[in-house]
Amino acid sequence: MSSDSPFADSLLATKSLGAAPDATAPDGAAVRLLLTLTGGSMAHFELPAGAVSHAVTHRTVEEIWYVVSGQGMLWRRHGGAERIEALTPGTAVTIPLGTAFQYRAEAGAPLAFLAITMPPWPGMDEALPAAGPWAPTVPAGGATSA
């Protein structure tokens, strides 16, 4: 695990947000990997201004997101419930296991959020394509383990 502290290989890790993305997520967002513990991992995601992600669902993980900048919309479908909600700085949302989701950034600024993934992100085979409400505008990628 790379780190900005002398505790790089311990549980007391510290890491600054990287200047460049580490990977492209299966939904098309730029990913900057942060830290990982046994129970979960944390990463920063950014979708360009005006862009639309690919709709996906996860096989084994669930997530909690916290929006740090930009504005956008999030579509989620879980069982019989389906909704579209605004994403604005300070908003937190959950992506429970088995939830199909897709998001888009409003024009003017990228949409950026932190995500805690539980358990830690296992690799690019984790995300499965789903049918969402919008046509994606970014290429899909394959994120590395966080």
C-alpha atoms as a PDB file:
ATOM      1  CA  MET A   1       0.000   0.000   0.000  1.00  0.00           C
ATOM      2  CA  SER A   2       1.551   3.335  -0.958  1.00  0.00           C
ATOM      3  CA  SER A   3       1.254   6.052   1.608  1.00  0.00           C
ATOM      4  CA  ASP A   4       2.391   9.519   2.553  1.00  0.00           C
ATOM      5  CA  SER A   5       3.308   8.351   6.082  1.00  0.00           C
ATOM      6  CA  PRO A   6       5.977   6.120   7.587  1.00  0.00           C
ATOM      7  CA  PHE A   7       3.139   3.721   8.547  1.00  0.00           C
ATOM      8  CA  ALA A   8       2.624   2.651   4.907  1.00  0.00           C
ATOM      9  CA  ASP A   9       2.536  -1.081   5.610  1.00  0.00           C
ATOM     10  CA  SER A  10       0.566  -0.904   8.841  1.00  0.00           C
ATOM     11  CA  LEU A  11      -3.025  -0.376   9.870  1.00  0.00           C
ATOM     12  CA  LEU A  12      -2.128   3.265  10.606  1.00  0.00           C
ATOM     13  CA  ALA A  13      -1.990   4.237   6.927  1.00  0.00           C
ATOM     14  CA  THR A  14      -2.267   7.790   5.627  1.00  0.00           C
ATOM     15  CA  LYS A  15      -2.609   8.728   1.975  1.00  0.00           C
ATOM     16  CA  SER A  16      -3.217  11.936   0.034  1.00  0.00           C
ATOM     17  CA  LEU A  17      -5.487  12.040  -3.002  1.00  0.00           C
ATOM     18  CA  GLY A  18      -3.417  11.348  -6.119  1.00  0.00           C
ATOM     19  CA  ALA A  19      -3.163  13.935  -8.866  1.00  0.00           C
ATOM     20  CA  ALA A  20      -3.975  11.424 -11.614  1.00  0.00           C
ATOM     21  CA  PRO A  21      -6.553   8.616 -11.691  1.00  0.00           C
ATOM     22  CA  ASP A  22      -5.387   5.087 -10.884  1.00  0.00           C
ATOM     23  CA  ALA A  23      -8.037   3.419 -13.043  1.00  0.00           C
ATOM     24  CA  THR A  24     -11.363   3.800 -14.817  1.00  0.00           C
ATOM     25  CA  ALA A  25     -14.295   2.195 -13.013  1.00  0.00           C
ATOM     26  CA  PRO A  26     -16.581  -0.226 -14.862  1.00  0.00           C
ATOM     27  CA  ASP A  27     -19.187   2.580 -14.906  1.00  0.00           C
ATOM     28  CA  GLY A  28     -16.704   4.973 -16.583  1.00  0.00           C
ATOM     29  CA  ALA A  29     -15.700   7.238 -13.676  1.00  0.00           C
ATOM     30  CA  ALA A  30     -12.052   8.124 -12.990  1.00  0.00           C
ATOM     31  CA  VAL A  31     -10.898   6.352  -9.795  1.00  0.00           C
ATOM     32  CA  ARG A  32      -8.266   7.526  -7.337  1.00  0.00           C
ATOM     33  CA  LEU A  33      -7.598   4.754  -4.839  1.00  0.00           C
ATOM     34  CA  LEU A  34      -7.294   5.756  -1.210  1.00  0.00           C
ATOM     35  CA  LEU A  35      -7.075   3.239   1.654  1.00  0.00           C
ATOM     36  CA  THR A  36      -8.144  -0.325   2.442  1.00  0.00           C
ATOM     37  CA  LEU A  37      -8.816  -2.266   5.630  1.00  0.00           C
ATOM     38  CA  THR A  38     -10.145  -5.793   6.046  1.00  0.00           C
ATOM     39  CA  GLY A  39     -13.778  -4.629   6.123  1.00  0.00           C
ATOM     40  CA  GLY A  40     -13.755  -2.089   3.300  1.00  0.00           C
ATOM     41  CA  SER A  41     -11.955   0.214   0.900  1.00  0.00           C
ATOM     42  CA  MET A  42     -12.192   3.925   0.096  1.00  0.00           C
ATOM     43  CA  ALA A  43     -11.759   5.645  -3.250  1.00  0.00           C
ATOM     44  CA  HIS A  44     -12.459   9.002  -4.913  1.00  0.00           C
ATOM     45  CA  PHE A  45     -14.565   8.942  -8.096  1.00  0.00           C
ATOM     46  CA  GLU A  46     -14.969  11.702 -10.670  1.00  0.00           C
ATOM     47  CA  LEU A  47     -17.291  11.907 -13.672  1.00  0.00           C
ATOM     48  CA  PRO A  48     -16.642  14.728 -16.174  1.00  0.00           C
ATOM     49  CA  ALA A  49     -19.068  17.655 -16.407  1.00  0.00           C
ATOM     50  CA  GLY A  50     -22.092  16.729 -18.525  1.00  0.00           C
ATOM     51  CA  ALA A  51     -21.148  13.026 -18.626  1.00  0.00           C
ATOM     52  CA  VAL A  52     -23.343   9.975 -17.966  1.00  0.00           C
ATOM     53  CA  SER A  53     -21.987   6.764 -16.409  1.00  0.00           C
ATOM     54  CA  HIS A  54     -22.801   3.211 -17.442  1.00  0.00           C
ATOM     55  CA  ALA A  55     -25.544   1.540 -15.417  1.00  0.00           C
ATOM     56  CA  VAL A  56     -24.189  -1.344 -13.322  1.00  0.00           C
ATOM     57  CA  THR A  57     -24.932  -3.588 -10.368  1.00  0.00           C
ATOM     58  CA  HIS A  58     -22.401  -5.186  -8.019  1.00  0.00           C
ATOM     59  CA  ARG A  59     -22.023  -8.935  -7.412  1.00  0.00           C
ATOM     60  CA  THR A  60     -20.715  -8.922  -3.822  1.00  0.00           C
ATOM     61  CA  VAL A  61     -20.141  -5.391  -2.495  1.00  0.00           C
ATOM     62  CA  GLU A  62     -22.230  -2.503  -1.261  1.00  0.00           C
ATOM     63  CA  GLU A  63     -21.209   1.136  -1.028  1.00  0.00           C
ATOM     64  CA  ILE A  64     -21.759   4.399   0.794  1.00  0.00           C
ATOM     65  CA  TRP A  65     -21.061   7.553  -1.228  1.00  0.00           C
ATOM     66  CA  TYR A  66     -20.403  11.119  -0.069  1.00  0.00           C
ATOM     67  CA  VAL A  67     -20.535  13.881  -2.704  1.00  0.00           C
ATOM     68  CA  VAL A  68     -17.660  16.361  -2.383  1.00  0.00           C
ATOM     69  CA  SER A  69     -18.148  18.585  -5.447  1.00  0.00           C
ATOM     70  CA  GLY A  70     -20.247  19.138  -8.549  1.00  0.00           C
ATOM     71  CA  GLN A  71     -23.899  18.301  -9.047  1.00  0.00           C
ATOM     72  CA  GLY A  72     -25.694  15.447 -10.698  1.00  0.00           C
ATOM     73  CA  MET A  73     -28.441  12.857 -10.548  1.00  0.00           C
ATOM     74  CA  LEU A  74     -28.418   9.264  -9.284  1.00  0.00           C
ATOM     75  CA  TRP A  75     -30.792   6.525 -10.441  1.00  0.00           C
ATOM     76  CA  ARG A  76     -31.123   3.426  -8.227  1.00  0.00           C
ATOM     77  CA  ARG A  77     -33.301   0.329  -8.544  1.00  0.00           C
ATOM     78  CA  HIS A  78     -33.481  -2.318  -5.823  1.00  0.00           C
ATOM     79  CA  GLY A  79     -36.211  -4.944  -5.823  1.00  0.00           C
ATOM     80  CA  GLY A  80     -39.474  -3.102  -6.514  1.00  0.00           C
ATOM     81  CA  ALA A  81     -38.119   0.343  -5.500  1.00  0.00           C
ATOM     82  CA  GLU A  82     -36.765   2.740  -8.111  1.00  0.00           C
ATOM     83  CA  ARG A  83     -35.850   6.410  -7.765  1.00  0.00           C
ATOM     84  CA  ILE A  84     -33.856   9.286  -9.226  1.00  0.00           C
ATOM     85  CA  GLU A  85     -32.362  11.767  -6.771  1.00  0.00           C
ATOM     86  CA  ALA A  86     -30.134  14.835  -6.849  1.00  0.00           C
ATOM     87  CA  LEU A  87     -26.454  14.555  -5.947  1.00  0.00           C
ATOM     88  CA  THR A  88     -25.042  17.748  -4.422  1.00  0.00           C
ATOM     89  CA  PRO A  89     -22.053  18.445  -2.165  1.00  0.00           C
ATOM     90  CA  GLY A  90     -22.749  17.120   1.320  1.00  0.00           C
ATOM     91  CA  THR A  91     -25.166  14.397   0.133  1.00  0.00           C
ATOM     92  CA  ALA A  92     -24.565  10.793   1.240  1.00  0.00           C
ATOM     93  CA  VAL A  93     -26.251   7.807  -0.434  1.00  0.00           C
ATOM     94  CA  THR A  94     -26.198   4.033  -0.125  1.00  0.00           C
ATOM     95  CA  ILE A  95     -25.797   1.460  -2.873  1.00  0.00           C
ATOM     96  CA  PRO A  96     -26.971  -1.784  -1.209  1.00  0.00           C
ATOM     97  CA  LEU A  97     -25.902  -5.160  -2.590  1.00  0.00           C
ATOM     98  CA  GLY A  98     -27.921  -6.011  -5.711  1.00  0.00           C
ATOM     99  CA  THR A  99     -28.854  -2.389  -6.506  1.00  0.00           C
ATOM    100  CA  ALA A 100     -28.694  -1.306 -10.150  1.00  0.00           C
ATOM    101  CA  PHE A 101     -27.447   2.289 -10.401  1.00  0.00           C
ATOM    102  CA  GLN A 102     -26.397   4.968 -12.853  1.00  0.00           C
ATOM    103  CA  TYR A 103     -25.414   8.608 -12.384  1.00  0.00           C
ATOM    104  CA  ARG A 104     -24.746  11.712 -14.389  1.00  0.00           C
ATOM    105  CA  ALA A 105     -22.935  14.985 -13.836  1.00  0.00           C
ATOM    106  CA  GLU A 106     -24.565  18.302 -14.577  1.00  0.00           C
ATOM    107  CA  ALA A 107     -22.842  20.633 -17.052  1.00  0.00           C
ATOM    108  CA  GLY A 108     -20.361  23.115 -15.627  1.00  0.00           C
ATOM    109  CA  ALA A 109     -18.295  20.969 -13.243  1.00  0.00           C
ATOM    110  CA  PRO A 110     -17.262  17.361 -12.738  1.00  0.00           C
ATOM    111  CA  LEU A 111     -19.187  15.302 -10.169  1.00  0.00           C
ATOM    112  CA  ALA A 112     -16.812  14.003  -7.467  1.00  0.00           C
ATOM    113  CA  PHE A 113     -17.588  11.690  -4.565  1.00  0.00           C
ATOM    114  CA  LEU A 114     -15.901   9.456  -2.029  1.00  0.00           C
ATOM    115  CA  ALA A 115     -17.077   5.853  -1.804  1.00  0.00           C
ATOM    116  CA  ILE A 116     -16.590   3.293   0.920  1.00  0.00           C
ATOM    117  CA  THR A 117     -16.888  -0.216  -0.544  1.00  0.00           C
ATOM    118  CA  MET A 118     -17.695  -3.125   1.778  1.00  0.00           C
ATOM    119  CA  PRO A 119     -16.031  -5.576   1.611  1.00  0.00           C
ATOM    120  CA  PRO A 120     -13.041  -4.100  -0.279  1.00  0.00           C
ATOM    121  CA  TRP A 121     -13.382  -3.853  -4.074  1.00  0.00           C
ATOM    122  CA  PRO A 122     -12.462  -7.328  -5.423  1.00  0.00           C
ATOM    123  CA  GLY A 123     -11.641  -6.394  -9.025  1.00  0.00           C
ATOM    124  CA  MET A 124     -13.050  -5.560 -12.437  1.00  0.00           C
ATOM    125  CA  ASP A 125     -15.372  -8.573 -12.592  1.00  0.00           C
ATOM    126  CA  GLU A 126     -17.387  -7.174  -9.673  1.00  0.00           C
ATOM    127  CA  ALA A 127     -19.639  -4.923 -11.776  1.00  0.00           C
ATOM    128  CA  LEU A 128     -22.289  -6.292 -14.112  1.00  0.00           C
ATOM    129  CA  PRO A 129     -24.002  -4.203 -16.817  1.00  0.00           C
ATOM    130  CA  ALA A 130     -27.548  -3.089 -16.029  1.00  0.00           C
ATOM    131  CA  ALA A 131     -30.298  -1.296 -17.948  1.00  0.00           C
ATOM    132  CA  GLY A 132     -30.467   2.328 -16.797  1.00  0.00           C
ATOM    133  CA  PRO A 133     -32.526   5.382 -17.726  1.00  0.00           C
ATOM    134  CA  TRP A 134     -29.805   7.291 -19.642  1.00  0.00           C
ATOM    135  CA  ALA A 135     -27.429   6.542 -22.528  1.00  0.00           C
ATOM    136  CA  PRO A 136     -23.823   6.466 -21.222  1.00  0.00           C
ATOM    137  CA  THR A 137     -21.400   9.028 -22.649  1.00  0.00           C
ATOM    138  CA  VAL A 138     -18.077   7.759 -21.215  1.00  0.00           C
ATOM    139  CA  PRO A 139     -16.163   4.568 -21.997  1.00  0.00           C
ATOM    140  CA  ALA A 140     -16.513   1.770 -19.442  1.00  0.00           C
ATOM    141  CA  GLY A 141     -13.353   0.637 -17.710  1.00  0.00           C
ATOM    142  CA  GLY A 142     -12.136  -2.015 -15.317  1.00  0.00           C
ATOM    143  CA  ALA A 143     -11.125  -0.759 -11.866  1.00  0.00           C
ATOM    144  CA  THR A 144      -8.237  -2.330 -10.013  1.00  0.00           C
ATOM    145  CA  SER A 145      -8.577  -3.583  -6.453  1.00  0.00           C
ATOM    146  CA  ALA A 146      -8.866  -0.756  -3.934  1.00  0.00           C
END
